[in-house]
């Protein structure tokens, strides 16, 4: 859910569908059970994004740009979307199997991390490496299911795996010190993304 817009939210489905929804949408949907159950059903869907290839496991709004979200799932791709257009702005292909979680840094507008099926913690810095992984950390011998940046101490990041192990990582200072040009770069990406390959 977007912290700046409490009326809307993004939903990812097992089929790969990605939808912008609203709590206050009033559009009535016809039901195949209308005769048996005469209830007006309202669809929360306002906008449909291009589908991904497989279940979407994680969606995360940028804390620095109200219209940008990251998604990841079983198609082994990270996608950066603007909630204002159907196509993804950028697709990242880390080739690490299923991706279970994704999160933006709370302090660096161009940094995000993802948790992978092969136990890797993937760190990206759009200013430093563009679409390429900046750092890969072998965080688990199993599958890495979750990650979370510490909001109070952004140099710390927690990961959790399928074995029930939680680890706390201290990130390099380069992931914790924001540059004055980062918001500008993020706005540029939202308007004119990297060349698609």
C-alpha atoms as a PDB file:
ATOM      1  CA  UNK A   1       0.000   0.000   0.000  1.00  0.00           C
ATOM      2  CA  UNK A   2       1.229   3.475  -0.854  1.00  0.00           C
ATOM      3  CA  UNK A   3       1.788   5.552   2.295  1.00  0.00           C
ATOM      4  CA  UNK A   4       0.852   8.712   0.371  1.00  0.00           C
ATOM      5  CA  UNK A   5      -2.381   7.306  -1.079  1.00  0.00           C
ATOM      6  CA  UNK A   6      -4.357   5.285   1.472  1.00  0.00           C
ATOM      7  CA  UNK A   7      -7.215   4.685  -0.991  1.00  0.00           C
ATOM      8  CA  UNK A   8      -5.281   2.578  -3.496  1.00  0.00           C
ATOM      9  CA  UNK A   9      -3.185  -0.584  -3.366  1.00  0.00           C
ATOM     10  CA  UNK A  10      -1.410  -2.948  -5.761  1.00  0.00           C
ATOM     11  CA  UNK A  11      -2.271  -6.658  -5.998  1.00  0.00           C
ATOM     12  CA  UNK A  12      -0.131  -9.373  -7.576  1.00  0.00           C
ATOM     13  CA  UNK A  13      -1.673 -12.754  -8.423  1.00  0.00           C
ATOM     14  CA  UNK A  14      -0.518 -16.345  -8.843  1.00  0.00           C
ATOM     15  CA  UNK A  15      -1.339 -16.021 -12.528  1.00  0.00           C
ATOM     16  CA  UNK A  16       1.147 -13.151 -12.911  1.00  0.00           C
ATOM     17  CA  UNK A  17      -1.554 -10.491 -13.060  1.00  0.00           C
ATOM     18  CA  UNK A  18      -0.733  -7.136 -11.506  1.00  0.00           C
ATOM     19  CA  UNK A  19      -3.532  -4.699 -10.644  1.00  0.00           C
ATOM     20  CA  UNK A  20      -3.929  -1.235  -9.168  1.00  0.00           C
ATOM     21  CA  UNK A  21      -6.997  -1.315  -6.937  1.00  0.00           C
ATOM     22  CA  UNK A  22      -9.033   1.125  -4.877  1.00  0.00           C
ATOM     23  CA  UNK A  23     -10.986   0.748  -1.665  1.00  0.00           C
ATOM     24  CA  UNK A  24     -13.543   3.230  -2.961  1.00  0.00           C
ATOM     25  CA  UNK A  25     -14.163   1.875  -6.476  1.00  0.00           C
ATOM     26  CA  UNK A  26     -17.910   1.729  -7.229  1.00  0.00           C
ATOM     27  CA  UNK A  27     -17.932  -0.277 -10.480  1.00  0.00           C
ATOM     28  CA  UNK A  28     -20.392  -3.166 -10.263  1.00  0.00           C
ATOM     29  CA  UNK A  29     -19.247  -6.527 -11.626  1.00  0.00           C
ATOM     30  CA  UNK A  30     -21.659  -9.090 -13.045  1.00  0.00           C
ATOM     31  CA  UNK A  31     -21.489 -12.411 -11.248  1.00  0.00           C
ATOM     32  CA  UNK A  32     -22.213 -15.819 -12.743  1.00  0.00           C
ATOM     33  CA  UNK A  33     -24.243 -16.530  -9.590  1.00  0.00           C
ATOM     34  CA  UNK A  34     -26.431 -13.423  -9.914  1.00  0.00           C
ATOM     35  CA  UNK A  35     -29.714 -15.352  -9.975  1.00  0.00           C
ATOM     36  CA  UNK A  36     -28.903 -17.461  -6.928  1.00  0.00           C
ATOM     37  CA  UNK A  37     -27.173 -14.748  -4.885  1.00  0.00           C
ATOM     38  CA  UNK A  38     -28.474 -11.300  -5.807  1.00  0.00           C
ATOM     39  CA  UNK A  39     -25.580  -9.371  -4.292  1.00  0.00           C
ATOM     40  CA  UNK A  40     -23.897  -6.434  -5.951  1.00  0.00           C
ATOM     41  CA  UNK A  41     -20.203  -7.186  -6.203  1.00  0.00           C
ATOM     42  CA  UNK A  42     -17.826  -4.257  -6.627  1.00  0.00           C
ATOM     43  CA  UNK A  43     -14.508  -4.688  -8.375  1.00  0.00           C
ATOM     44  CA  UNK A  44     -11.620  -2.902  -6.682  1.00  0.00           C
ATOM     45  CA  UNK A  45      -9.555  -3.040  -9.921  1.00  0.00           C
ATOM     46  CA  UNK A  46      -8.898   0.349 -11.507  1.00  0.00           C
ATOM     47  CA  UNK A  47      -5.919  -0.415 -13.716  1.00  0.00           C
ATOM     48  CA  UNK A  48      -4.237  -3.538 -15.121  1.00  0.00           C
ATOM     49  CA  UNK A  49      -0.500  -3.764 -15.714  1.00  0.00           C
ATOM     50  CA  UNK A  50       1.117  -6.095 -18.249  1.00  0.00           C
ATOM     51  CA  UNK A  51       1.244  -9.586 -16.754  1.00  0.00           C
ATOM     52  CA  UNK A  52       4.353 -11.293 -15.506  1.00  0.00           C
ATOM     53  CA  UNK A  53       5.163 -14.939 -16.211  1.00  0.00           C
ATOM     54  CA  UNK A  54       4.242 -16.671 -12.968  1.00  0.00           C
ATOM     55  CA  UNK A  55       3.156 -15.799  -9.442  1.00  0.00           C
ATOM     56  CA  UNK A  56       4.138 -12.417  -8.037  1.00  0.00           C
ATOM     57  CA  UNK A  57       5.536 -12.862  -4.523  1.00  0.00           C
ATOM     58  CA  UNK A  58       6.428  -9.318  -3.515  1.00  0.00           C
ATOM     59  CA  UNK A  59       5.476  -5.734  -4.354  1.00  0.00           C
ATOM     60  CA  UNK A  60       7.102  -2.696  -2.764  1.00  0.00           C
ATOM     61  CA  UNK A  61       6.373   1.023  -3.193  1.00  0.00           C
ATOM     62  CA  UNK A  62       9.311   3.407  -3.343  1.00  0.00           C
ATOM     63  CA  UNK A  63       9.447   5.522  -0.186  1.00  0.00           C
ATOM     64  CA  UNK A  64      10.890   8.351  -2.314  1.00  0.00           C
ATOM     65  CA  UNK A  65       8.657   8.347  -5.411  1.00  0.00           C
ATOM     66  CA  UNK A  66       4.900   7.975  -5.047  1.00  0.00           C
ATOM     67  CA  UNK A  67       4.429   6.311  -8.460  1.00  0.00           C
ATOM     68  CA  UNK A  68       7.204   3.698  -8.493  1.00  0.00           C
ATOM     69  CA  UNK A  69       6.884   0.072  -7.413  1.00  0.00           C
ATOM     70  CA  UNK A  70       9.140  -2.966  -7.611  1.00  0.00           C
ATOM     71  CA  UNK A  71       7.811  -6.505  -8.128  1.00  0.00           C
ATOM     72  CA  UNK A  72       9.377  -9.959  -8.104  1.00  0.00           C
ATOM     73  CA  UNK A  73       8.233 -13.567  -8.345  1.00  0.00           C
ATOM     74  CA  UNK A  74       8.728 -16.941  -9.955  1.00  0.00           C
ATOM     75  CA  UNK A  75       9.658 -15.569 -13.384  1.00  0.00           C
ATOM     76  CA  UNK A  76      13.113 -14.710 -11.929  1.00  0.00           C
ATOM     77  CA  UNK A  77      12.694 -11.063 -12.890  1.00  0.00           C
ATOM     78  CA  UNK A  78      12.510  -7.840 -10.933  1.00  0.00           C
ATOM     79  CA  UNK A  79      10.312  -5.247 -12.583  1.00  0.00           C
ATOM     80  CA  UNK A  80      10.174  -1.534 -11.916  1.00  0.00           C
ATOM     81  CA  UNK A  81       6.781  -0.021 -12.753  1.00  0.00           C
ATOM     82  CA  UNK A  82       5.232   3.394 -12.722  1.00  0.00           C
ATOM     83  CA  UNK A  83       1.664   3.043 -11.479  1.00  0.00           C
ATOM     84  CA  UNK A  84       0.707   5.452 -14.273  1.00  0.00           C
ATOM     85  CA  UNK A  85       1.463   3.105 -17.187  1.00  0.00           C
ATOM     86  CA  UNK A  86       0.889  -0.544 -18.059  1.00  0.00           C
ATOM     87  CA  UNK A  87       4.405  -1.526 -19.216  1.00  0.00           C
ATOM     88  CA  UNK A  88       7.290  -1.960 -16.817  1.00  0.00           C
ATOM     89  CA  UNK A  89       9.908   0.794 -16.958  1.00  0.00           C
ATOM     90  CA  UNK A  90      12.844  -1.540 -16.338  1.00  0.00           C
ATOM     91  CA  UNK A  91      13.279  -5.310 -16.081  1.00  0.00           C
ATOM     92  CA  UNK A  92      16.175  -6.729 -14.073  1.00  0.00           C
ATOM     93  CA  UNK A  93      17.184 -10.344 -14.785  1.00  0.00           C
ATOM     94  CA  UNK A  94      19.436 -11.588 -11.971  1.00  0.00           C
ATOM     95  CA  UNK A  95      19.193 -15.299 -12.973  1.00  0.00           C
ATOM     96  CA  UNK A  96      18.944 -16.477  -9.364  1.00  0.00           C
ATOM     97  CA  UNK A  97      15.768 -18.561  -9.662  1.00  0.00           C
ATOM     98  CA  UNK A  98      12.556 -17.573  -7.920  1.00  0.00           C
ATOM     99  CA  UNK A  99      12.652 -14.200  -6.181  1.00  0.00           C
ATOM    100  CA  UNK A 100      10.625 -14.159  -2.971  1.00  0.00           C
ATOM    101  CA  UNK A 101      10.944 -10.652  -1.574  1.00  0.00           C
ATOM    102  CA  UNK A 102      11.977  -7.159  -2.609  1.00  0.00           C
ATOM    103  CA  UNK A 103      12.354  -3.902  -0.733  1.00  0.00           C
ATOM    104  CA  UNK A 104      13.573  -0.367  -1.364  1.00  0.00           C
ATOM    105  CA  UNK A 105      16.188   1.101   0.958  1.00  0.00           C
ATOM    106  CA  UNK A 106      14.648   3.505   3.481  1.00  0.00           C
ATOM    107  CA  UNK A 107      17.590   5.927   3.095  1.00  0.00           C
ATOM    108  CA  UNK A 108      18.923   5.581  -0.486  1.00  0.00           C
ATOM    109  CA  UNK A 109      16.343   6.338  -3.228  1.00  0.00           C
ATOM    110  CA  UNK A 110      18.230   4.269  -5.861  1.00  0.00           C
ATOM    111  CA  UNK A 111      19.030   1.203  -3.732  1.00  0.00           C
ATOM    112  CA  UNK A 112      16.914  -1.925  -3.298  1.00  0.00           C
ATOM    113  CA  UNK A 113      17.426  -5.544  -2.274  1.00  0.00           C
ATOM    114  CA  UNK A 114      15.877  -8.866  -3.262  1.00  0.00           C
ATOM    115  CA  UNK A 115      15.786 -12.339  -1.694  1.00  0.00           C
ATOM    116  CA  UNK A 116      16.340 -15.325  -3.997  1.00  0.00           C
ATOM    117  CA  UNK A 117      15.524 -19.026  -4.110  1.00  0.00           C
ATOM    118  CA  UNK A 118      19.216 -19.950  -4.220  1.00  0.00           C
ATOM    119  CA  UNK A 119      19.862 -18.245  -0.858  1.00  0.00           C
ATOM    120  CA  UNK A 120      21.337 -15.029  -2.228  1.00  0.00           C
ATOM    121  CA  UNK A 121      20.673 -11.509  -1.036  1.00  0.00           C
ATOM    122  CA  UNK A 122      20.880  -9.283  -4.117  1.00  0.00           C
ATOM    123  CA  UNK A 123      21.699  -5.592  -3.743  1.00  0.00           C
ATOM    124  CA  UNK A 124      21.095  -3.083  -6.529  1.00  0.00           C
ATOM    125  CA  UNK A 125      22.221   0.536  -6.811  1.00  0.00           C
ATOM    126  CA  UNK A 126      20.706   2.241  -9.844  1.00  0.00           C
ATOM    127  CA  UNK A 127      23.269   5.054  -9.634  1.00  0.00           C
ATOM    128  CA  UNK A 128      26.282   2.767  -9.556  1.00  0.00           C
ATOM    129  CA  UNK A 129      25.430  -0.223 -11.745  1.00  0.00           C
ATOM    130  CA  UNK A 130      22.167   0.578 -13.499  1.00  0.00           C
ATOM    131  CA  UNK A 131      20.423  -2.719 -14.256  1.00  0.00           C
ATOM    132  CA  UNK A 132      23.250  -4.924 -12.958  1.00  0.00           C
ATOM    133  CA  UNK A 133      23.532  -6.446  -9.479  1.00  0.00           C
ATOM    134  CA  UNK A 134      25.833  -4.391  -7.275  1.00  0.00           C
ATOM    135  CA  UNK A 135      26.494  -7.068  -4.691  1.00  0.00           C
ATOM    136  CA  UNK A 136      25.474 -10.681  -4.083  1.00  0.00           C
ATOM    137  CA  UNK A 137      25.654 -12.041  -0.545  1.00  0.00           C
ATOM    138  CA  UNK A 138      25.270 -15.780   0.084  1.00  0.00           C
ATOM    139  CA  UNK A 139      22.814 -15.393   2.962  1.00  0.00           C
ATOM    140  CA  UNK A 140      21.551 -18.981   3.276  1.00  0.00           C
ATOM    141  CA  UNK A 141      22.166 -22.569   2.232  1.00  0.00           C
ATOM    142  CA  UNK A 142      18.408 -22.808   1.681  1.00  0.00           C
ATOM    143  CA  UNK A 143      15.950 -20.446   0.007  1.00  0.00           C
ATOM    144  CA  UNK A 144      15.901 -16.843   1.184  1.00  0.00           C
ATOM    145  CA  UNK A 145      12.237 -15.981   1.768  1.00  0.00           C
ATOM    146  CA  UNK A 146      12.253 -12.522   3.294  1.00  0.00           C
ATOM    147  CA  UNK A 147      14.268  -9.407   3.887  1.00  0.00           C
ATOM    148  CA  UNK A 148      13.677  -6.149   5.694  1.00  0.00           C
ATOM    149  CA  UNK A 149      15.689  -2.958   5.974  1.00  0.00           C
ATOM    150  CA  UNK A 150      15.804  -1.563   9.506  1.00  0.00           C
ATOM    151  CA  UNK A 151      13.924   1.758   9.417  1.00  0.00           C
ATOM    152  CA  UNK A 152      15.785   3.196  12.438  1.00  0.00           C
ATOM    153  CA  UNK A 153      19.242   1.916  11.521  1.00  0.00           C
ATOM    154  CA  UNK A 154      19.282   1.667   7.705  1.00  0.00           C
ATOM    155  CA  UNK A 155      22.758   0.095   7.636  1.00  0.00           C
ATOM    156  CA  UNK A 156      21.116  -3.054   9.033  1.00  0.00           C
ATOM    157  CA  UNK A 157      19.126  -5.510   6.942  1.00  0.00           C
ATOM    158  CA  UNK A 158      17.453  -8.709   8.189  1.00  0.00           C
ATOM    159  CA  UNK A 159      16.946 -11.872   6.120  1.00  0.00           C
ATOM    160  CA  UNK A 160      14.933 -15.000   6.828  1.00  0.00           C
ATOM    161  CA  UNK A 161      15.150 -18.369   5.082  1.00  0.00           C
ATOM    162  CA  UNK A 162      13.191 -21.607   4.661  1.00  0.00           C
ATOM    163  CA  UNK A 163      15.239 -23.218   7.447  1.00  0.00           C
ATOM    164  CA  UNK A 164      13.895 -20.697   9.981  1.00  0.00           C
ATOM    165  CA  UNK A 165      17.194 -18.845  10.278  1.00  0.00           C
ATOM    166  CA  UNK A 166      17.114 -15.058  10.653  1.00  0.00           C
ATOM    167  CA  UNK A 167      20.325 -13.113  10.053  1.00  0.00           C
ATOM    168  CA  UNK A 168      21.133  -9.438  10.498  1.00  0.00           C
ATOM    169  CA  UNK A 169      23.538  -7.930   7.961  1.00  0.00           C
ATOM    170  CA  UNK A 170      25.506  -4.714   8.334  1.00  0.00           C
ATOM    171  CA  UNK A 171      25.640  -3.071   4.927  1.00  0.00           C
ATOM    172  CA  UNK A 172      28.587  -1.188   3.489  1.00  0.00           C
ATOM    173  CA  UNK A 173      28.437   2.576   3.998  1.00  0.00           C
ATOM    174  CA  UNK A 174      27.975   3.012   0.234  1.00  0.00           C
ATOM    175  CA  UNK A 175      24.418   1.647   0.643  1.00  0.00           C
ATOM    176  CA  UNK A 176      23.678   4.029   3.513  1.00  0.00           C
ATOM    177  CA  UNK A 177      24.896   7.456   2.403  1.00  0.00           C
ATOM    178  CA  UNK A 178      22.510   9.228   0.108  1.00  0.00           C
ATOM    179  CA  UNK A 179      23.675  11.504  -2.688  1.00  0.00           C
ATOM    180  CA  UNK A 180      21.848  14.742  -3.442  1.00  0.00           C
ATOM    181  CA  UNK A 181      21.369  13.634  -7.058  1.00  0.00           C
ATOM    182  CA  UNK A 182      19.605  10.348  -6.255  1.00  0.00           C
ATOM    183  CA  UNK A 183      16.081  11.763  -6.283  1.00  0.00           C
ATOM    184  CA  UNK A 184      16.836  13.420  -9.604  1.00  0.00           C
ATOM    185  CA  UNK A 185      18.109  10.094 -11.018  1.00  0.00           C
ATOM    186  CA  UNK A 186      15.015   8.256  -9.735  1.00  0.00           C
ATOM    187  CA  UNK A 187      12.740  10.854 -11.354  1.00  0.00           C
ATOM    188  CA  UNK A 188      14.684  10.514 -14.603  1.00  0.00           C
ATOM    189  CA  UNK A 189      14.224   6.733 -14.557  1.00  0.00           C
ATOM    190  CA  UNK A 190      10.502   7.137 -13.938  1.00  0.00           C
ATOM    191  CA  UNK A 191      10.231   9.344 -17.024  1.00  0.00           C
ATOM    192  CA  UNK A 192      12.847   7.777 -19.311  1.00  0.00           C
ATOM    193  CA  UNK A 193      13.951   4.292 -18.229  1.00  0.00           C
ATOM    194  CA  UNK A 194      17.118   2.459 -19.198  1.00  0.00           C
ATOM    195  CA  UNK A 195      17.157   1.097 -22.718  1.00  0.00           C
ATOM    196  CA  UNK A 196      15.281  -2.209 -22.802  1.00  0.00           C
ATOM    197  CA  UNK A 197      17.436  -5.131 -23.836  1.00  0.00           C
END
